[in-house]
PDB file of N, CA and C in Angstrom:
ATOM      1  N   MET A   1      64.942  96.497 112.150  1.00  0.00           N
ATOM      2  CA  MET A   1      64.619  95.151 113.004  1.00  0.00           C
ATOM      3  C   MET A   1      64.682  93.861 111.927  1.00  0.00           C
ATOM      4  N   PHE A   2      63.890  94.227 110.875  1.00  0.00           N
ATOM      5  CA  PHE A   2      63.707  93.003 109.457  1.00  0.00           C
ATOM      6  C   PHE A   2      64.805  92.937 109.055  1.00  0.00           C
ATOM      7  N   SER A   3      65.662  94.095 108.734  1.00  0.00           N
ATOM      8  CA  SER A   3      67.341  93.875 107.951  1.00  0.00           C
ATOM      9  C   SER A   3      68.383  92.766 109.003  1.00  0.00           C
ATOM     10  N   ALA A   4      67.947  92.960 110.194  1.00  0.00           N
ATOM     11  CA  ALA A   4      69.058  92.602 111.106  1.00  0.00           C
ATOM     12  C   ALA A   4      68.523  91.105 111.276  1.00  0.00           C
ATOM     13  N   ASN A   5      67.358  90.691 111.381  1.00  0.00           N
ATOM     14  CA  ASN A   5      67.085  89.443 111.316  1.00  0.00           C
ATOM     15  C   ASN A   5      67.365  88.877 109.687  1.00  0.00           C
ATOM     16  N   VAL A   6      67.291  89.174 108.521  1.00  0.00           N
ATOM     17  CA  VAL A   6      67.580  88.715 107.150  1.00  0.00           C
ATOM     18  C   VAL A   6      69.206  88.732 107.317  1.00  0.00           C
ATOM     19  N   LEU A   7      69.870  89.372 107.973  1.00  0.00           N
ATOM     20  CA  LEU A   7      71.392  88.956 107.869  1.00  0.00           C
ATOM     21  C   LEU A   7      71.778  87.782 108.690  1.00  0.00           C
ATOM     22  N   ALA A   8      70.966  87.854 110.248  1.00  0.00           N
ATOM     23  CA  ALA A   8      71.585  86.842 110.673  1.00  0.00           C
ATOM     24  C   ALA A   8      71.183  85.470 109.821  1.00  0.00           C
ATOM     25  N   ALA A   9      69.609  85.720 109.770  1.00  0.00           N
ATOM     26  CA  ALA A   9      69.215  84.077 108.884  1.00  0.00           C
ATOM     27  C   ALA A   9      70.222  83.863 107.688  1.00  0.00           C
ATOM     28  N   ASP A  10      70.568  84.736 106.973  1.00  0.00           N
ATOM     29  CA  ASP A  10      71.510  84.310 106.236  1.00  0.00           C
ATOM     30  C   ASP A  10      73.086  83.651 106.458  1.00  0.00           C
ATOM     31  N   ASN A  11      73.512  84.301 107.653  1.00  0.00           N
ATOM     32  CA  ASN A  11      74.692  83.946 108.199  1.00  0.00           C
ATOM     33  C   ASN A  11      74.882  83.574 109.481  1.00  0.00           C
ATOM     34  N   PRO A  12      74.195  82.334 109.746  1.00  0.00           N
ATOM     35  CA  PRO A  12      74.148  82.058 111.183  1.00  0.00           C
ATOM     36  C   PRO A  12      75.397  81.641 111.644  1.00  0.00           C
ATOM     37  N   SER A  13      76.454  81.188 111.113  1.00  0.00           N
ATOM     38  CA  SER A  13      77.463  80.833 111.779  1.00  0.00           C
ATOM     39  C   SER A  13      78.672  81.814 112.125  1.00  0.00           C
ATOM     40  N   HIS A  14      78.033  83.029 112.159  1.00  0.00           N
ATOM     41  CA  HIS A  14      78.975  83.791 112.858  1.00  0.00           C
ATOM     42  C   HIS A  14      78.181  85.209 113.548  1.00  0.00           C
ATOM     43  N   SER A  15      77.215  84.665 114.222  1.00  0.00           N
ATOM     44  CA  SER A  15      76.161  85.546 114.811  1.00  0.00           C
ATOM     45  C   SER A  15      76.913  86.091 115.854  1.00  0.00           C
ATOM     46  N   LYS A  16      78.129  85.251 116.406  1.00  0.00           N
ATOM     47  CA  LYS A  16      78.791  85.987 117.853  1.00  0.00           C
ATOM     48  C   LYS A  16      79.916  86.862 117.590  1.00  0.00           C
ATOM     49  N   ASP A  17      80.108  87.153 116.123  1.00  0.00           N
ATOM     50  CA  ASP A  17      81.111  88.107 115.596  1.00  0.00           C
ATOM     51  C   ASP A  17      80.908  89.372 116.351  1.00  0.00           C
ATOM     52  N   PRO A  18      82.090  90.170 116.829  1.00  0.00           N
ATOM     53  CA  PRO A  18      81.775  91.562 117.330  1.00  0.00           C
ATOM     54  C   PRO A  18      81.864  92.473 116.131  1.00  0.00           C
ATOM     55  N   GLY A  19      81.792  92.109 115.364  1.00  0.00           N
ATOM     56  CA  GLY A  19      81.928  93.019 113.994  1.00  0.00           C
ATOM     57  C   GLY A  19      80.381  93.109 113.163  1.00  0.00           C
ATOM     58  N   LYS A  20      79.931  91.720 113.295  1.00  0.00           N
ATOM     59  CA  LYS A  20      78.374  91.595 113.033  1.00  0.00           C
ATOM     60  C   LYS A  20      77.764  92.665 113.669  1.00  0.00           C
ATOM     61  N   LYS A  21      77.980  92.411 115.135  1.00  0.00           N
ATOM     62  CA  LYS A  21      77.130  93.347 116.131  1.00  0.00           C
ATOM     63  C   LYS A  21      77.245  94.787 115.824  1.00  0.00           C
ATOM     64  N   LEU A  22      78.592  95.370 115.225  1.00  0.00           N
ATOM     65  CA  LEU A  22      78.768  96.564 115.116  1.00  0.00           C
ATOM     66  C   LEU A  22      78.092  97.147 113.583  1.00  0.00           C
ATOM     67  N   VAL A  23      78.020  96.257 112.685  1.00  0.00           N
ATOM     68  CA  VAL A  23      77.560  96.383 111.544  1.00  0.00           C
ATOM     69  C   VAL A  23      75.775  96.460 111.536  1.00  0.00           C
ATOM     70  N   GLU A  24      75.503  95.661 112.348  1.00  0.00           N
ATOM     71  CA  GLU A  24      74.136  95.743 112.763  1.00  0.00           C
ATOM     72  C   GLU A  24      73.637  97.201 113.486  1.00  0.00           C
ATOM     73  N   GLU A  25      74.410  97.619 114.113  1.00  0.00           N
ATOM     74  CA  GLU A  25      74.430  98.892 114.796  1.00  0.00           C
ATOM     75  C   GLU A  25      74.350 100.004 114.234  1.00  0.00           C
ATOM     76  N   ILE A  26      75.674 100.271 113.747  1.00  0.00           N
ATOM     77  CA  ILE A  26      76.120 101.515 112.987  1.00  0.00           C
ATOM     78  C   ILE A  26      75.730 101.418 111.857  1.00  0.00           C
ATOM     79  N   CYS A  27      75.770 100.502 111.166  1.00  0.00           N
ATOM     80  CA  CYS A  27      75.521 100.538 109.583  1.00  0.00           C
ATOM     81  C   CYS A  27      73.992 100.828 109.245  1.00  0.00           C
ATOM     82  N   SER A  28      73.372 100.181 109.921  1.00  0.00           N
ATOM     83  CA  SER A  28      72.006  99.864 109.736  1.00  0.00           C
ATOM     84  C   SER A  28      71.362 101.398 110.234  1.00  0.00           C
ATOM     85  N   PHE A  29      71.980 102.341 110.998  1.00  0.00           N
ATOM     86  CA  PHE A  29      71.665 103.393 111.304  1.00  0.00           C
ATOM     87  C   PHE A  29      71.236 104.280 109.981  1.00  0.00           C
ATOM     88  N   CYS A  30      71.941 104.045 109.267  1.00  0.00           N
ATOM     89  CA  CYS A  30      71.615 105.007 107.747  1.00  0.00           C
ATOM     90  C   CYS A  30      70.866 104.358 106.637  1.00  0.00           C
ATOM     91  N   HIS A  31      71.182 102.600 106.913  1.00  0.00           N
ATOM     92  CA  HIS A  31      70.607 102.187 105.371  1.00  0.00           C
ATOM     93  C   HIS A  31      70.358 100.744 105.886  1.00  0.00           C
ATOM     94  N   GLY A  32      69.453 100.118 105.568  1.00  0.00           N
ATOM     95  CA  GLY A  32      69.186  98.684 105.569  1.00  0.00           C
ATOM     96  C   GLY A  32      70.322  97.548 105.643  1.00  0.00           C
ATOM     97  N   LEU A  33      70.737  96.644 106.402  1.00  0.00           N
ATOM     98  CA  LEU A  33      71.552  95.458 105.909  1.00  0.00           C
ATOM     99  C   LEU A  33      71.328  94.982 104.930  1.00  0.00           C
ATOM    100  N   ALA A  34      69.880  94.938 104.493  1.00  0.00           N
ATOM    101  CA  ALA A  34      69.852  94.136 103.045  1.00  0.00           C
ATOM    102  C   ALA A  34      70.908  94.285 102.195  1.00  0.00           C
ATOM    103  N   ARG A  35      71.413  95.664 102.245  1.00  0.00           N
ATOM    104  CA  ARG A  35      72.281  96.021 101.001  1.00  0.00           C
ATOM    105  C   ARG A  35      73.419  95.170 100.617  1.00  0.00           C
ATOM    106  N   LEU A  36      73.729  94.536 102.124  1.00  0.00           N
ATOM    107  CA  LEU A  36      74.852  93.367 102.164  1.00  0.00           C
ATOM    108  C   LEU A  36      74.748  92.362 101.142  1.00  0.00           C
ATOM    109  N   LYS A  37      73.397  91.902 100.962  1.00  0.00           N
ATOM    110  CA  LYS A  37      73.416  90.771 100.464  1.00  0.00           C
ATOM    111  C   LYS A  37      73.599  90.767  99.200  1.00  0.00           C
ATOM    112  N   GLY A  38      74.326  89.751  98.439  1.00  0.00           N
ATOM    113  CA  GLY A  38      75.019  89.558  97.160  1.00  0.00           C
ATOM    114  C   GLY A  38      76.176  90.793  96.958  1.00  0.00           C
ATOM    115  N   GLN A  39      76.661  90.762  97.943  1.00  0.00           N
ATOM    116  CA  GLN A  39      77.978  91.817  98.051  1.00  0.00           C
ATOM    117  C   GLN A  39      79.304  90.931  97.959  1.00  0.00           C
ATOM    118  N   ALA A  40      79.934  91.126  97.149  1.00  0.00           N
ATOM    119  CA  ALA A  40      81.368  90.305  97.360  1.00  0.00           C
ATOM    120  C   ALA A  40      82.565  91.178  96.989  1.00  0.00           C
ATOM    121  N   TYR A  41      82.727  92.091  97.736  1.00  0.00           N
ATOM    122  CA  TYR A  41      84.030  93.261  97.626  1.00  0.00           C
ATOM    123  C   TYR A  41      84.869  92.573  98.380  1.00  0.00           C
ATOM    124  N   THR A  42      86.257  92.699  97.744  1.00  0.00           N
ATOM    125  CA  THR A  42      87.757  92.570  98.319  1.00  0.00           C
ATOM    126  C   THR A  42      87.732  93.370  99.332  1.00  0.00           C
ATOM    127  N   ARG A  43      88.759  93.065 100.229  1.00  0.00           N
ATOM    128  CA  ARG A  43      89.063  93.900 101.546  1.00  0.00           C
ATOM    129  C   ARG A  43      89.313  95.319 101.328  1.00  0.00           C
ATOM    130  N   ASP A  44      90.222  95.411 100.174  1.00  0.00           N
ATOM    131  CA  ASP A  44      90.581  96.768  99.692  1.00  0.00           C
ATOM    132  C   ASP A  44      89.096  97.549  99.470  1.00  0.00           C
ATOM    133  N   GLN A  45      88.240  97.309  98.830  1.00  0.00           N
ATOM    134  CA  GLN A  45      87.272  97.656  98.261  1.00  0.00           C
ATOM    135  C   GLN A  45      86.059  97.946  99.519  1.00  0.00           C
ATOM    136  N   TRP A  46      85.846  96.963 100.324  1.00  0.00           N
ATOM    137  CA  TRP A  46      85.115  97.226 101.783  1.00  0.00           C
ATOM    138  C   TRP A  46      85.783  98.481 102.516  1.00  0.00           C
ATOM    139  N   ASP A  47      87.570  98.641 102.540  1.00  0.00           N
ATOM    140  CA  ASP A  47      88.103  99.653 103.336  1.00  0.00           C
ATOM    141  C   ASP A  47      87.669 100.959 102.701  1.00  0.00           C
ATOM    142  N   ASN A  48      87.487 100.895 101.571  1.00  0.00           N
ATOM    143  CA  ASN A  48      87.114 102.044 100.822  1.00  0.00           C
ATOM    144  C   ASN A  48      85.666 102.679 100.966  1.00  0.00           C
ATOM    145  N   VAL A  49      84.703 101.649 101.191  1.00  0.00           N
ATOM    146  CA  VAL A  49      83.306 101.673 101.158  1.00  0.00           C
ATOM    147  C   VAL A  49      83.462 102.214 102.902  1.00  0.00           C
ATOM    148  N   ILE A  50      83.619 101.759 103.834  1.00  0.00           N
ATOM    149  CA  ILE A  50      83.954 102.103 105.267  1.00  0.00           C
ATOM    150  C   ILE A  50      84.394 103.292 105.450  1.00  0.00           C
ATOM    151  N   LYS A  51      85.475 103.836 104.720  1.00  0.00           N
ATOM    152  CA  LYS A  51      85.898 105.443 104.563  1.00  0.00           C
ATOM    153  C   LYS A  51      85.213 106.368 104.330  1.00  0.00           C
ATOM    154  N   GLY A  52      84.394 105.874 103.164  1.00  0.00           N
ATOM    155  CA  GLY A  52      83.247 106.650 102.592  1.00  0.00           C
ATOM    156  C   GLY A  52      81.977 107.115 103.560  1.00  0.00           C
ATOM    157  N   MET A  53      81.735 105.857 104.118  1.00  0.00           N
ATOM    158  CA  MET A  53      80.817 106.192 104.997  1.00  0.00           C
ATOM    159  C   MET A  53      81.100 106.942 106.323  1.00  0.00           C
ATOM    160  N   VAL A  54      82.421 106.851 106.983  1.00  0.00           N
ATOM    161  CA  VAL A  54      82.932 107.522 107.835  1.00  0.00           C
ATOM    162  C   VAL A  54      83.029 109.260 107.347  1.00  0.00           C
ATOM    163  N   SER A  55      83.502 109.183 106.066  1.00  0.00           N
ATOM    164  CA  SER A  55      83.564 110.494 105.758  1.00  0.00           C
ATOM    165  C   SER A  55      82.190 111.582 105.674  1.00  0.00           C
ATOM    166  N   GLU A  56      81.017 110.572 105.450  1.00  0.00           N
ATOM    167  CA  GLU A  56      79.786 110.618 105.690  1.00  0.00           C
ATOM    168  C   GLU A  56      79.017 111.086 107.065  1.00  0.00           C
ATOM    169  N   GLY A  57      79.885 110.849 108.107  1.00  0.00           N
ATOM    170  CA  GLY A  57      79.488 111.088 109.323  1.00  0.00           C
ATOM    171  C   GLY A  57      79.271 109.469 110.476  1.00  0.00           C
ATOM    172  N   ALA A  58      79.454 108.601 109.693  1.00  0.00           N
ATOM    173  CA  ALA A  58      79.207 107.250 110.527  1.00  0.00           C
ATOM    174  C   ALA A  58      79.992 107.288 111.694  1.00  0.00           C
ATOM    175  N   PRO A  59      79.556 107.058 112.821  1.00  0.00           N
ATOM    176  CA  PRO A  59      80.413 107.111 113.972  1.00  0.00           C
ATOM    177  C   PRO A  59      80.791 106.101 114.522  1.00  0.00           C
ATOM    178  N   VAL A  60      82.389 106.045 113.864  1.00  0.00           N
ATOM    179  CA  VAL A  60      83.047 104.609 114.103  1.00  0.00           C
ATOM    180  C   VAL A  60      84.331 105.024 114.578  1.00  0.00           C
ATOM    181  N   THR A  61      84.813 104.500 115.711  1.00  0.00           N
ATOM    182  CA  THR A  61      86.190 104.410 116.390  1.00  0.00           C
ATOM    183  C   THR A  61      87.251 103.483 115.546  1.00  0.00           C
ATOM    184  N   ASP A  62      88.467 103.504 115.942  1.00  0.00           N
ATOM    185  CA  ASP A  62      89.753 102.937 115.068  1.00  0.00           C
ATOM    186  C   ASP A  62      89.211 101.296 115.019  1.00  0.00           C
ATOM    187  N   GLU A  63      89.099 101.014 116.507  1.00  0.00           N
ATOM    188  CA  GLU A  63      88.884  99.881 116.962  1.00  0.00           C
ATOM    189  C   GLU A  63      87.504  99.045 116.333  1.00  0.00           C
ATOM    190  N   GLU A  64      86.417  99.857 116.204  1.00  0.00           N
ATOM    191  CA  GLU A  64      85.187  99.382 115.739  1.00  0.00           C
ATOM    192  C   GLU A  64      85.736  99.406 113.917  1.00  0.00           C
ATOM    193  N   TYR A  65      86.321 100.436 113.400  1.00  0.00           N
ATOM    194  CA  TYR A  65      86.637 100.280 111.765  1.00  0.00           C
ATOM    195  C   TYR A  65      87.079  98.962 111.319  1.00  0.00           C
ATOM    196  N   SER A  66      88.082  98.558 112.390  1.00  0.00           N
ATOM    197  CA  SER A  66      89.013  97.139 111.932  1.00  0.00           C
ATOM    198  C   SER A  66      88.096  96.032 112.330  1.00  0.00           C
ATOM    199  N   LEU A  67      87.030  96.123 113.276  1.00  0.00           N
ATOM    200  CA  LEU A  67      86.204  95.088 113.675  1.00  0.00           C
ATOM    201  C   LEU A  67      85.133  94.925 112.096  1.00  0.00           C
ATOM    202  N   ILE A  68      84.959  96.174 111.900  1.00  0.00           N
ATOM    203  CA  ILE A  68      83.764  95.909 110.575  1.00  0.00           C
ATOM    204  C   ILE A  68      84.364  95.694 109.579  1.00  0.00           C
ATOM    205  N   LEU A  69      85.532  95.871 109.385  1.00  0.00           N
ATOM    206  CA  LEU A  69      86.335  95.690 108.150  1.00  0.00           C
ATOM    207  C   LEU A  69      86.590  94.044 107.976  1.00  0.00           C
ATOM    208  N   ASP A  70      87.154  93.828 108.907  1.00  0.00           N
ATOM    209  CA  ASP A  70      87.116  92.222 109.316  1.00  0.00           C
ATOM    210  C   ASP A  70      85.800  91.363 108.860  1.00  0.00           C
ATOM    211  N   TYR A  71      84.982  91.755 109.539  1.00  0.00           N
ATOM    212  CA  TYR A  71      83.617  91.357 109.270  1.00  0.00           C
ATOM    213  C   TYR A  71      83.215  90.914 107.920  1.00  0.00           C
ATOM    214  N   LEU A  72      83.117  92.358 107.290  1.00  0.00           N
ATOM    215  CA  LEU A  72      82.994  92.580 105.729  1.00  0.00           C
ATOM    216  C   LEU A  72      83.578  91.835 105.029  1.00  0.00           C
ATOM    217  N   ALA A  73      85.272  91.934 104.996  1.00  0.00           N
ATOM    218  CA  ALA A  73      85.883  91.161 104.468  1.00  0.00           C
ATOM    219  C   ALA A  73      85.543  89.870 104.302  1.00  0.00           C
ATOM    220  N   LYS A  74      85.373  89.106 105.588  1.00  0.00           N
ATOM    221  CA  LYS A  74      85.301  87.721 105.740  1.00  0.00           C
ATOM    222  C   LYS A  74      84.013  87.240 105.312  1.00  0.00           C
ATOM    223  N   ASN A  75      83.128  87.897 105.365  1.00  0.00           N
ATOM    224  CA  ASN A  75      81.693  87.356 105.149  1.00  0.00           C
ATOM    225  C   ASN A  75      80.964  87.978 103.845  1.00  0.00           C
ATOM    226  N   PHE A  76      81.728  88.949 103.290  1.00  0.00           N
ATOM    227  CA  PHE A  76      81.207  89.630 102.395  1.00  0.00           C
ATOM    228  C   PHE A  76      82.076  89.761 101.132  1.00  0.00           C
ATOM    229  N   GLY A  77      82.885  88.868 101.085  1.00  0.00           N
ATOM    230  CA  GLY A  77      83.867  89.190  99.816  1.00  0.00           C
ATOM    231  C   GLY A  77      83.749  88.242  98.843  1.00  0.00           C
ATOM    232  N   PRO A  78      84.350  88.212  97.968  1.00  0.00           N
ATOM    233  CA  PRO A  78      84.794  87.309  96.639  1.00  0.00           C
ATOM    234  C   PRO A  78      85.025  85.972  97.152  1.00  0.00           C
ATOM    235  N   PRO A  79      84.643  85.067  96.543  1.00  0.00           N
ATOM    236  CA  PRO A  79      85.157  83.629  96.910  1.00  0.00           C
ATOM    237  C   PRO A  79      86.503  83.178  96.736  1.00  0.00           C
ATOM    238  N   PRO A  80      87.059  82.782  97.571  1.00  0.00           N
ATOM    239  CA  PRO A  80      88.515  82.784  97.986  1.00  0.00           C
ATOM    240  C   PRO A  80      89.398  82.657  96.313  1.00  0.00           C
ATOM    241  N   GLU A  81      89.324  81.819  95.731  1.00  0.00           N
ATOM    242  CA  GLU A  81      89.513  81.609  94.414  1.00  0.00           C
ATOM    243  C   GLU A  81      89.494  83.061  93.504  1.00  0.00           C
ATOM    244  N   GLN A  82      88.559  83.678  93.576  1.00  0.00           N
ATOM    245  CA  GLN A  82      88.367  85.172  92.791  1.00  0.00           C
ATOM    246  C   GLN A  82      89.330  85.863  93.487  1.00  0.00           C
ATOM    247  N   GLU A  83      89.432  86.009  94.873  1.00  0.00           N
ATOM    248  CA  GLU A  83      90.393  86.965  95.403  1.00  0.00           C
ATOM    249  C   GLU A  83      91.663  86.704  94.847  1.00  0.00           C
ATOM    250  N   LYS A  84      92.079  85.341  94.849  1.00  0.00           N
ATOM    251  CA  LYS A  84      93.925  85.240  94.769  1.00  0.00           C
ATOM    252  C   LYS A  84      93.649  85.656  93.134  1.00  0.00           C
ATOM    253  N   GLU A  85      92.563  85.307  92.289  1.00  0.00           N
ATOM    254  CA  GLU A  85      93.118  85.969  91.055  1.00  0.00           C
ATOM    255  C   GLU A  85      93.307  87.460  90.569  1.00  0.00           C
ATOM    256  N   GLU A  86      92.518  88.388  91.880  1.00  0.00           N
ATOM    257  CA  GLU A  86      92.703  89.640  91.606  1.00  0.00           C
ATOM    258  C   GLU A  86      94.077  90.142  92.223  1.00  0.00           C
ATOM    259  N   LYS A  87      94.732  89.377  93.380  1.00  0.00           N
ATOM    260  CA  LYS A  87      95.930  89.795  93.950  1.00  0.00           C
ATOM    261  C   LYS A  87      97.068  89.557  92.643  1.00  0.00           C
ATOM    262  N   ARG A  88      96.947  88.865  91.744  1.00  0.00           N
ATOM    263  CA  ARG A  88      98.134  88.673  90.770  1.00  0.00           C
ATOM    264  C   ARG A  88      98.441  89.897  90.263  1.00  0.00           C
TER     265      ARG A  88
END
């Protein structure tokens, strides 16, 4: 509960994002959401992280996977200028 509140307080503008709800419900089942704080992974890096969690048993459908990936990449990715440099 505390972790979800920390995440919501840090990111109030996207509190209605369905990906956020899934992250709060599914990801926090095994570990706290405080782990997200300070993360700045690219979309490809988040994709690999999520694949790892699924391989460890995270119960995620294909649709949920996409929503979680979109949410994490948008809200816990590198600054836009850094991501552009990495794609070059």
